[in-house]
All heavy atoms as atom14 arrays in JSON, in Angstrom:
{
  "sequence": "LDVGVSTVLSRDMIRRGQTEEFLAFTEGLGVHEAWLSEVK",
  "atom14_mask": [
    [1, 1, 1, 1, 1, 1, 1, 1, 0, 0, 0, 0, 0, 0],
    [1, 1, 1, 1, 1, 1, 1, 1, 0, 0, 0, 0, 0, 0],
    [1, 1, 1, 1, 1, 1, 1, 0, 0, 0, 0, 0, 0, 0],
    [1, 1, 1, 1, 0, 0, 0, 0, 0, 0, 0, 0, 0, 0],
    [1, 1, 1, 1, 1, 1, 1, 0, 0, 0, 0, 0, 0, 0],
    [1, 1, 1, 1, 1, 1, 0, 0, 0, 0, 0, 0, 0, 0],
    [1, 1, 1, 1, 1, 1, 1, 0, 0, 0, 0, 0, 0, 0],
    [1, 1, 1, 1, 1, 1, 1, 0, 0, 0, 0, 0, 0, 0],
    [1, 1, 1, 1, 1, 1, 1, 1, 0, 0, 0, 0, 0, 0],
    [1, 1, 1, 1, 1, 1, 0, 0, 0, 0, 0, 0, 0, 0],
    [1, 1, 1, 1, 1, 1, 1, 1, 1, 1, 1, 0, 0, 0],
    [1, 1, 1, 1, 1, 1, 1, 1, 0, 0, 0, 0, 0, 0],
    [1, 1, 1, 1, 1, 1, 1, 1, 0, 0, 0, 0, 0, 0],
    [1, 1, 1, 1, 1, 1, 1, 1, 0, 0, 0, 0, 0, 0],
    [1, 1, 1, 1, 1, 1, 1, 1, 1, 1, 1, 0, 0, 0],
    [1, 1, 1, 1, 1, 1, 1, 1, 1, 1, 1, 0, 0, 0],
    [1, 1, 1, 1, 0, 0, 0, 0, 0, 0, 0, 0, 0, 0],
    [1, 1, 1, 1, 1, 1, 1, 1, 1, 0, 0, 0, 0, 0],
    [1, 1, 1, 1, 1, 1, 1, 0, 0, 0, 0, 0, 0, 0],
    [1, 1, 1, 1, 1, 1, 1, 1, 1, 0, 0, 0, 0, 0],
    [1, 1, 1, 1, 1, 1, 1, 1, 1, 0, 0, 0, 0, 0],
    [1, 1, 1, 1, 1, 1, 1, 1, 1, 1, 1, 0, 0, 0],
    [1, 1, 1, 1, 1, 1, 1, 1, 0, 0, 0, 0, 0, 0],
    [1, 1, 1, 1, 1, 0, 0, 0, 0, 0, 0, 0, 0, 0],
    [1, 1, 1, 1, 1, 1, 1, 1, 1, 1, 1, 0, 0, 0],
    [1, 1, 1, 1, 1, 1, 1, 0, 0, 0, 0, 0, 0, 0],
    [1, 1, 1, 1, 1, 1, 1, 1, 1, 0, 0, 0, 0, 0],
    [1, 1, 1, 1, 0, 0, 0, 0, 0, 0, 0, 0, 0, 0],
    [1, 1, 1, 1, 1, 1, 1, 1, 0, 0, 0, 0, 0, 0],
    [1, 1, 1, 1, 0, 0, 0, 0, 0, 0, 0, 0, 0, 0],
    [1, 1, 1, 1, 1, 1, 1, 0, 0, 0, 0, 0, 0, 0],
    [1, 1, 1, 1, 1, 1, 1, 1, 1, 1, 0, 0, 0, 0],
    [1, 1, 1, 1, 1, 1, 1, 1, 1, 0, 0, 0, 0, 0],
    [1, 1, 1, 1, 1, 0, 0, 0, 0, 0, 0, 0, 0, 0],
    [1, 1, 1, 1, 1, 1, 1, 1, 1, 1, 1, 1, 1, 1],
    [1, 1, 1, 1, 1, 1, 1, 1, 0, 0, 0, 0, 0, 0],
    [1, 1, 1, 1, 1, 1, 0, 0, 0, 0, 0, 0, 0, 0],
    [1, 1, 1, 1, 1, 1, 1, 1, 1, 0, 0, 0, 0, 0],
    [1, 1, 1, 1, 1, 1, 1, 0, 0, 0, 0, 0, 0, 0],
    [1, 1, 1, 1, 1, 1, 1, 1, 1, 0, 0, 0, 0, 0]
  ],
  "atom14_positions": [
    [[-143.75, 54.85, 77.95], [-142.8, 55.47, 78.87], [-142.4, 54.46, 79.95], [-143.26, 53.84, 80.59], [-143.41, 56.71, 79.51], [-142.5, 57.52, 80.46], [-141.28, 58.04, 79.71], [-143.27, 58.68, 81.07], [0.0, 0.0, 0.0], [0.0, 0.0, 0.0], [0.0, 0.0, 0.0], [0.0, 0.0, 0.0], [0.0, 0.0, 0.0], [0.0, 0.0, 0.0]],
    [[-141.11, 54.31, 80.16], [-140.59, 53.42, 81.19], [-140.71, 54.13, 82.54], [-140.22, 55.24, 82.72], [-139.12, 53.1, 80.89], [-138.54, 52.08, 81.83], [-139.03, 50.93, 81.82], [-137.59, 52.41, 82.55], [0.0, 0.0, 0.0], [0.0, 0.0, 0.0], [0.0, 0.0, 0.0], [0.0, 0.0, 0.0], [0.0, 0.0, 0.0], [0.0, 0.0, 0.0]],
    [[-141.36, 53.48, 83.5], [-141.68, 54.13, 84.78], [-141.12, 53.31, 85.94], [-141.32, 52.09, 86.01], [-143.2, 54.3, 84.96], [-143.5, 55.05, 86.25], [-143.82, 55.02, 83.76], [0.0, 0.0, 0.0], [0.0, 0.0, 0.0], [0.0, 0.0, 0.0], [0.0, 0.0, 0.0], [0.0, 0.0, 0.0], [0.0, 0.0, 0.0], [0.0, 0.0, 0.0]],
    [[-140.43, 53.99, 86.84], [-139.91, 53.33, 88.02], [-139.93, 54.24, 89.23], [-140.45, 55.36, 89.17], [0.0, 0.0, 0.0], [0.0, 0.0, 0.0], [0.0, 0.0, 0.0], [0.0, 0.0, 0.0], [0.0, 0.0, 0.0], [0.0, 0.0, 0.0], [0.0, 0.0, 0.0], [0.0, 0.0, 0.0], [0.0, 0.0, 0.0], [0.0, 0.0, 0.0]],
    [[-139.38, 53.75, 90.32], [-139.21, 54.57, 91.51], [-137.72, 54.7, 91.81], [-136.92, 53.83, 91.45], [-139.94, 53.99, 92.74], [-141.44, 53.87, 92.46], [-139.36, 52.65, 93.16], [0.0, 0.0, 0.0], [0.0, 0.0, 0.0], [0.0, 0.0, 0.0], [0.0, 0.0, 0.0], [0.0, 0.0, 0.0], [0.0, 0.0, 0.0], [0.0, 0.0, 0.0]],
    [[-137.35, 55.8, 92.44], [-135.98, 56.02, 92.89], [-136.02, 56.08, 94.41], [-136.72, 56.91, 95.0], [-135.46, 57.34, 92.32], [-134.16, 57.63, 92.8], [0.0, 0.0, 0.0], [0.0, 0.0, 0.0], [0.0, 0.0, 0.0], [0.0, 0.0, 0.0], [0.0, 0.0, 0.0], [0.0, 0.0, 0.0], [0.0, 0.0, 0.0], [0.0, 0.0, 0.0]],
    [[-135.27, 55.19, 95.04], [-135.4, 54.98, 96.48], [-134.08, 55.15, 97.2], [-133.06, 54.59, 96.78], [-135.96, 53.58, 96.75], [-137.21, 53.44, 96.06], [-136.16, 53.33, 98.23], [0.0, 0.0, 0.0], [0.0, 0.0, 0.0], [0.0, 0.0, 0.0], [0.0, 0.0, 0.0], [0.0, 0.0, 0.0], [0.0, 0.0, 0.0], [0.0, 0.0, 0.0]],
    [[-134.09, 55.91, 98.28], [-132.91, 56.08, 99.13], [-133.13, 55.26, 100.4], [-134.05, 55.51, 101.17], [-132.69, 57.56, 99.47], [-131.45, 57.73, 100.34], [-132.56, 58.41, 98.2], [0.0, 0.0, 0.0], [0.0, 0.0, 0.0], [0.0, 0.0, 0.0], [0.0, 0.0, 0.0], [0.0, 0.0, 0.0], [0.0, 0.0, 0.0], [0.0, 0.0, 0.0]],
    [[-132.27, 54.26, 100.59], [-132.41, 53.34, 101.71], [-131.48, 53.75, 102.85], [-130.28, 53.94, 102.64], [-132.05, 51.91, 101.28], [-132.89, 51.31, 100.15], [-132.25, 50.0, 99.68], [-134.31, 51.07, 100.61], [0.0, 0.0, 0.0], [0.0, 0.0, 0.0], [0.0, 0.0, 0.0], [0.0, 0.0, 0.0], [0.0, 0.0, 0.0], [0.0, 0.0, 0.0]],
    [[-132.01, 53.84, 104.05], [-131.17, 54.08, 105.22], [-130.51, 52.77, 105.64], [-130.98, 51.68, 105.34], [-132.0, 54.63, 106.38], [-132.89, 53.63, 106.86], [0.0, 0.0, 0.0], [0.0, 0.0, 0.0], [0.0, 0.0, 0.0], [0.0, 0.0, 0.0], [0.0, 0.0, 0.0], [0.0, 0.0, 0.0], [0.0, 0.0, 0.0], [0.0, 0.0, 0.0]],
    [[-129.4, 52.88, 106.38], [-128.74, 51.68, 106.88], [-129.66, 50.91, 107.81], [-129.68, 49.67, 107.79], [-127.44, 52.06, 107.6], [-126.56, 50.86, 107.89], [-125.18, 51.26, 108.37], [-125.17, 51.47, 109.82], [-124.05, 51.62, 110.54], [-122.87, 51.62, 109.92], [-124.09, 51.81, 111.83], [0.0, 0.0, 0.0], [0.0, 0.0, 0.0], [0.0, 0.0, 0.0]],
    [[-130.45, 51.63, 108.59], [-131.38, 50.98, 109.51], [-132.42, 50.17, 108.74], [-132.74, 49.03, 109.11], [-132.06, 52.04, 110.38], [-132.96, 51.43, 111.44], [-132.46, 50.67, 112.29], [-134.17, 51.69, 111.39], [0.0, 0.0, 0.0], [0.0, 0.0, 0.0], [0.0, 0.0, 0.0], [0.0, 0.0, 0.0], [0.0, 0.0, 0.0], [0.0, 0.0, 0.0]],
    [[-132.94, 50.74, 107.67], [-133.94, 50.04, 106.85], [-133.35, 48.77, 106.24], [-134.01, 47.72, 106.18], [-134.45, 50.99, 105.77], [-135.65, 50.49, 104.98], [-136.27, 51.8, 103.89], [-137.53, 50.91, 102.97], [0.0, 0.0, 0.0], [0.0, 0.0, 0.0], [0.0, 0.0, 0.0], [0.0, 0.0, 0.0], [0.0, 0.0, 0.0], [0.0, 0.0, 0.0]],
    [[-132.11, 48.86, 105.78], [-131.44, 47.7, 105.19], [-131.28, 46.6, 106.23], [-131.6, 45.43, 105.99], [-130.07, 48.1, 104.62], [-130.23, 49.1, 103.46], [-129.29, 46.87, 104.15], [-128.93, 49.79, 103.06], [0.0, 0.0, 0.0], [0.0, 0.0, 0.0], [0.0, 0.0, 0.0], [0.0, 0.0, 0.0], [0.0, 0.0, 0.0], [0.0, 0.0, 0.0]],
    [[-130.81, 46.97, 107.42], [-130.5, 45.96, 108.44], [-131.75, 45.37, 109.09], [-131.69, 44.26, 109.64], [-129.57, 46.57, 109.48], [-128.21, 46.89, 108.89], [-127.21, 47.35, 109.91], [-125.91, 47.57, 109.28], [-124.82, 47.95, 109.93], [-124.86, 48.16, 111.24], [-123.67, 48.12, 109.28], [0.0, 0.0, 0.0], [0.0, 0.0, 0.0], [0.0, 0.0, 0.0]],
    [[-132.84, 46.08, 109.04], [-134.09, 45.54, 109.56], [-134.79, 44.63, 108.56], [-135.84, 44.06, 108.86], [-135.03, 46.69, 109.95], [-134.63, 47.44, 111.19], [-135.54, 48.63, 111.41], [-135.21, 49.37, 112.61], [-135.78, 49.17, 113.81], [-136.72, 48.24, 113.93], [-135.41, 49.87, 114.85], [0.0, 0.0, 0.0], [0.0, 0.0, 0.0], [0.0, 0.0, 0.0]],
    [[-134.22, 44.5, 107.36], [-134.82, 43.66, 106.35], [-136.07, 44.25, 105.73], [-136.9, 43.52, 105.16], [0.0, 0.0, 0.0], [0.0, 0.0, 0.0], [0.0, 0.0, 0.0], [0.0, 0.0, 0.0], [0.0, 0.0, 0.0], [0.0, 0.0, 0.0], [0.0, 0.0, 0.0], [0.0, 0.0, 0.0], [0.0, 0.0, 0.0], [0.0, 0.0, 0.0]],
    [[-136.21, 45.58, 105.79], [-137.43, 46.22, 105.31], [-137.42, 46.48, 103.81], [-138.46, 46.82, 103.24], [-137.64, 47.54, 106.06], [-137.91, 47.35, 107.54], [-138.05, 48.67, 108.28], [-137.5, 49.7, 107.86], [-138.78, 48.66, 109.38], [0.0, 0.0, 0.0], [0.0, 0.0, 0.0], [0.0, 0.0, 0.0], [0.0, 0.0, 0.0], [0.0, 0.0, 0.0]],
    [[-136.27, 46.32, 103.17], [-136.2, 46.55, 101.72], [-137.11, 45.59, 100.98], [-137.77, 45.97, 100.0], [-134.75, 46.42, 101.23], [-133.88, 47.17, 102.07], [-134.63, 46.91, 99.8], [0.0, 0.0, 0.0], [0.0, 0.0, 0.0], [0.0, 0.0, 0.0], [0.0, 0.0, 0.0], [0.0, 0.0, 0.0], [0.0, 0.0, 0.0], [0.0, 0.0, 0.0]],
    [[-137.15, 44.35, 101.42], [-138.01, 43.35, 100.77], [-139.48, 43.77, 100.83], [-140.21, 43.67, 99.83], [-137.84, 42.0, 101.47], [-138.41, 40.83, 100.71], [-137.36, 40.07, 99.91], [-136.27, 39.82, 100.44], [-137.67, 39.75, 98.76], [0.0, 0.0, 0.0], [0.0, 0.0, 0.0], [0.0, 0.0, 0.0], [0.0, 0.0, 0.0], [0.0, 0.0, 0.0]],
    [[-139.91, 44.25, 101.98], [-141.3, 44.7, 102.12], [-141.58, 45.9, 101.22], [-142.64, 46.0, 100.6], [-141.58, 45.05, 103.58], [-143.04, 45.31, 103.88], [-143.33, 45.42, 105.37], [-142.4, 45.18, 106.18], [-144.48, 45.74, 105.72], [0.0, 0.0, 0.0], [0.0, 0.0, 0.0], [0.0, 0.0, 0.0], [0.0, 0.0, 0.0], [0.0, 0.0, 0.0]],
    [[-140.6, 46.79, 101.15], [-140.77, 47.95, 100.27], [-140.9, 47.53, 98.81], [-141.74, 48.05, 98.07], [-139.59, 48.91, 100.43], [-139.58, 50.02, 99.43], [-140.43, 51.11, 99.58], [-138.78, 49.97, 98.3], [-140.46, 52.12, 98.64], [-138.8, 50.98, 97.36], [-139.64, 52.07, 97.53], [0.0, 0.0, 0.0], [0.0, 0.0, 0.0], [0.0, 0.0, 0.0]],
    [[-140.08, 46.57, 98.36], [-140.13, 46.13, 96.97], [-141.46, 45.47, 96.65], [-142.0, 45.64, 95.55], [-138.97, 45.17, 96.69], [-137.58, 45.79, 96.68], [-136.51, 44.72, 96.5], [-137.44, 46.87, 95.6], [0.0, 0.0, 0.0], [0.0, 0.0, 0.0], [0.0, 0.0, 0.0], [0.0, 0.0, 0.0], [0.0, 0.0, 0.0], [0.0, 0.0, 0.0]],
    [[-142.0, 44.72, 97.6], [-143.32, 44.1, 97.38], [-144.38, 45.18, 97.18], [-145.25, 45.06, 96.31], [-143.66, 43.19, 98.55], [0.0, 0.0, 0.0], [0.0, 0.0, 0.0], [0.0, 0.0, 0.0], [0.0, 0.0, 0.0], [0.0, 0.0, 0.0], [0.0, 0.0, 0.0], [0.0, 0.0, 0.0], [0.0, 0.0, 0.0], [0.0, 0.0, 0.0]],
    [[-144.3, 46.23, 97.98], [-145.24, 47.34, 97.82], [-145.05, 48.01, 96.46], [-146.02, 48.31, 95.74], [-145.04, 48.36, 98.94], [-145.79, 49.64, 98.76], [-147.15, 49.71, 99.02], [-145.14, 50.78, 98.29], [-147.85, 50.9, 98.84], [-145.83, 51.97, 98.1], [-147.19, 52.03, 98.38], [0.0, 0.0, 0.0], [0.0, 0.0, 0.0], [0.0, 0.0, 0.0]],
    [[-143.8, 48.25, 96.1], [-143.48, 48.91, 94.84], [-144.0, 48.12, 93.65], [-144.56, 48.69, 92.7], [-141.96, 49.13, 94.72], [-141.52, 49.93, 95.81], [-141.61, 49.8, 93.42], [0.0, 0.0, 0.0], [0.0, 0.0, 0.0], [0.0, 0.0, 0.0], [0.0, 0.0, 0.0], [0.0, 0.0, 0.0], [0.0, 0.0, 0.0], [0.0, 0.0, 0.0]],
    [[-143.81, 46.8, 93.68], [-144.28, 45.98, 92.58], [-145.78, 46.11, 92.4], [-146.3, 46.11, 91.27], [-143.9, 44.52, 92.82], [-144.25, 43.62, 91.65], [-143.63, 42.25, 91.77], [-143.7, 41.67, 92.87], [-143.05, 41.76, 90.78], [0.0, 0.0, 0.0], [0.0, 0.0, 0.0], [0.0, 0.0, 0.0], [0.0, 0.0, 0.0], [0.0, 0.0, 0.0]],
    [[-146.5, 46.27, 93.51], [-147.95, 46.42, 93.43], [-148.38, 47.71, 92.77], [-149.56, 47.84, 92.38], [0.0, 0.0, 0.0], [0.0, 0.0, 0.0], [0.0, 0.0, 0.0], [0.0, 0.0, 0.0], [0.0, 0.0, 0.0], [0.0, 0.0, 0.0], [0.0, 0.0, 0.0], [0.0, 0.0, 0.0], [0.0, 0.0, 0.0], [0.0, 0.0, 0.0]],
    [[-147.47, 48.66, 92.64], [-147.81, 49.93, 91.98], [-147.8, 49.81, 90.46], [-148.24, 50.72, 89.76], [-146.83, 51.03, 92.41], [-146.81, 51.39, 93.89], [-145.72, 52.42, 94.17], [-148.16, 51.92, 94.34], [0.0, 0.0, 0.0], [0.0, 0.0, 0.0], [0.0, 0.0, 0.0], [0.0, 0.0, 0.0], [0.0, 0.0, 0.0], [0.0, 0.0, 0.0]],
    [[-147.25, 48.69, 89.96], [-147.24, 48.48, 88.51], [-146.12, 49.16, 87.77], [-146.2, 49.35, 86.55], [0.0, 0.0, 0.0], [0.0, 0.0, 0.0], [0.0, 0.0, 0.0], [0.0, 0.0, 0.0], [0.0, 0.0, 0.0], [0.0, 0.0, 0.0], [0.0, 0.0, 0.0], [0.0, 0.0, 0.0], [0.0, 0.0, 0.0], [0.0, 0.0, 0.0]],
    [[-145.04, 49.52, 88.48], [-143.9, 50.16, 87.82], [-142.95, 49.1, 87.27], [-143.03, 47.92, 87.63], [-143.15, 51.1, 88.78], [-144.06, 52.23, 89.24], [-142.59, 50.33, 89.98], [0.0, 0.0, 0.0], [0.0, 0.0, 0.0], [0.0, 0.0, 0.0], [0.0, 0.0, 0.0], [0.0, 0.0, 0.0], [0.0, 0.0, 0.0], [0.0, 0.0, 0.0]],
    [[-142.06, 49.52, 86.4], [-141.11, 48.59, 85.79], [-139.89, 48.32, 86.66], [-139.34, 47.22, 86.63], [-140.6, 49.16, 84.45], [-141.64, 49.29, 83.41], [-142.27, 50.48, 83.13], [-142.17, 48.38, 82.56], [-143.13, 50.3, 82.15], [-143.1, 49.05, 81.79], [0.0, 0.0, 0.0], [0.0, 0.0, 0.0], [0.0, 0.0, 0.0], [0.0, 0.0, 0.0]],
    [[-139.44, 49.33, 87.41], [-138.12, 49.23, 88.03], [-138.08, 49.95, 89.37], [-138.72, 50.99, 89.56], [-137.07, 49.83, 87.09], [-135.65, 49.83, 87.63], [-134.66, 50.43, 86.64], [-134.45, 49.82, 85.57], [-134.13, 51.53, 86.92], [0.0, 0.0, 0.0], [0.0, 0.0, 0.0], [0.0, 0.0, 0.0], [0.0, 0.0, 0.0], [0.0, 0.0, 0.0]],
    [[-137.3, 49.38, 90.29], [-136.95, 50.07, 91.53], [-135.45, 50.37, 91.47], [-134.63, 49.46, 91.45], [-137.28, 49.22, 92.74], [0.0, 0.0, 0.0], [0.0, 0.0, 0.0], [0.0, 0.0, 0.0], [0.0, 0.0, 0.0], [0.0, 0.0, 0.0], [0.0, 0.0, 0.0], [0.0, 0.0, 0.0], [0.0, 0.0, 0.0], [0.0, 0.0, 0.0]],
    [[-135.12, 51.64, 91.38], [-133.72, 52.1, 91.35], [-133.34, 52.38, 92.8], [-133.87, 53.29, 93.44], [-133.65, 53.36, 90.5], [-132.36, 54.11, 90.49], [-131.69, 54.63, 91.55], [-131.59, 54.48, 89.34], [-130.57, 55.29, 91.15], [-130.48, 55.22, 89.8], [-131.74, 54.27, 87.97], [-129.52, 55.75, 88.93], [-130.79, 54.8, 87.11], [-129.7, 55.53, 87.58]],
    [[-132.42, 51.61, 93.35], [-132.09, 51.69, 94.77], [-130.7, 52.3, 94.98], [-129.76, 51.98, 94.26], [-132.11, 50.31, 95.42], [-133.38, 49.47, 95.28], [-133.2, 48.14, 96.02], [-134.6, 50.21, 95.8], [0.0, 0.0, 0.0], [0.0, 0.0, 0.0], [0.0, 0.0, 0.0], [0.0, 0.0, 0.0], [0.0, 0.0, 0.0], [0.0, 0.0, 0.0]],
    [[-130.61, 53.12, 96.0], [-129.31, 53.61, 96.48], [-129.4, 53.73, 97.99], [-130.47, 54.02, 98.54], [-128.97, 54.97, 95.86], [-127.79, 55.49, 96.44], [0.0, 0.0, 0.0], [0.0, 0.0, 0.0], [0.0, 0.0, 0.0], [0.0, 0.0, 0.0], [0.0, 0.0, 0.0], [0.0, 0.0, 0.0], [0.0, 0.0, 0.0], [0.0, 0.0, 0.0]],
    [[-128.29, 53.51, 98.65], [-128.25, 53.79, 100.08], [-128.06, 55.29, 100.3], [-127.69, 56.03, 99.38], [-127.11, 53.02, 100.75], [-125.72, 53.51, 100.39], [-125.17, 52.9, 99.11], [-125.92, 52.17, 98.42], [-123.99, 53.14, 98.79], [0.0, 0.0, 0.0], [0.0, 0.0, 0.0], [0.0, 0.0, 0.0], [0.0, 0.0, 0.0], [0.0, 0.0, 0.0]],
    [[-128.35, 55.75, 101.51], [-128.04, 57.13, 101.87], [-126.53, 57.35, 101.71], [-125.72, 56.58, 102.22], [-128.46, 57.44, 103.33], [-127.94, 58.81, 103.74], [-129.97, 57.38, 103.47], [0.0, 0.0, 0.0], [0.0, 0.0, 0.0], [0.0, 0.0, 0.0], [0.0, 0.0, 0.0], [0.0, 0.0, 0.0], [0.0, 0.0, 0.0], [0.0, 0.0, 0.0]],
    [[-126.16, 58.37, 100.96], [-124.75, 58.67, 100.72], [-124.3, 59.8, 101.66], [-125.05, 60.75, 101.92], [-124.53, 59.12, 99.28], [-124.86, 58.06, 98.23], [-123.81, 56.98, 98.15], [-124.01, 56.06, 96.98], [-122.97, 55.01, 96.89], [0.0, 0.0, 0.0], [0.0, 0.0, 0.0], [0.0, 0.0, 0.0], [0.0, 0.0, 0.0], [0.0, 0.0, 0.0]]
  ]
}
């Protein structure tokens, strides 16, 4: 089974450069993919 996370990013999180830190955490969970979208 292909396993990933689905993530909603706020504009503040994007501009603070926190997405990179989040991805590093996500990779440590052993999932295949991070599906990213901004808040719509």
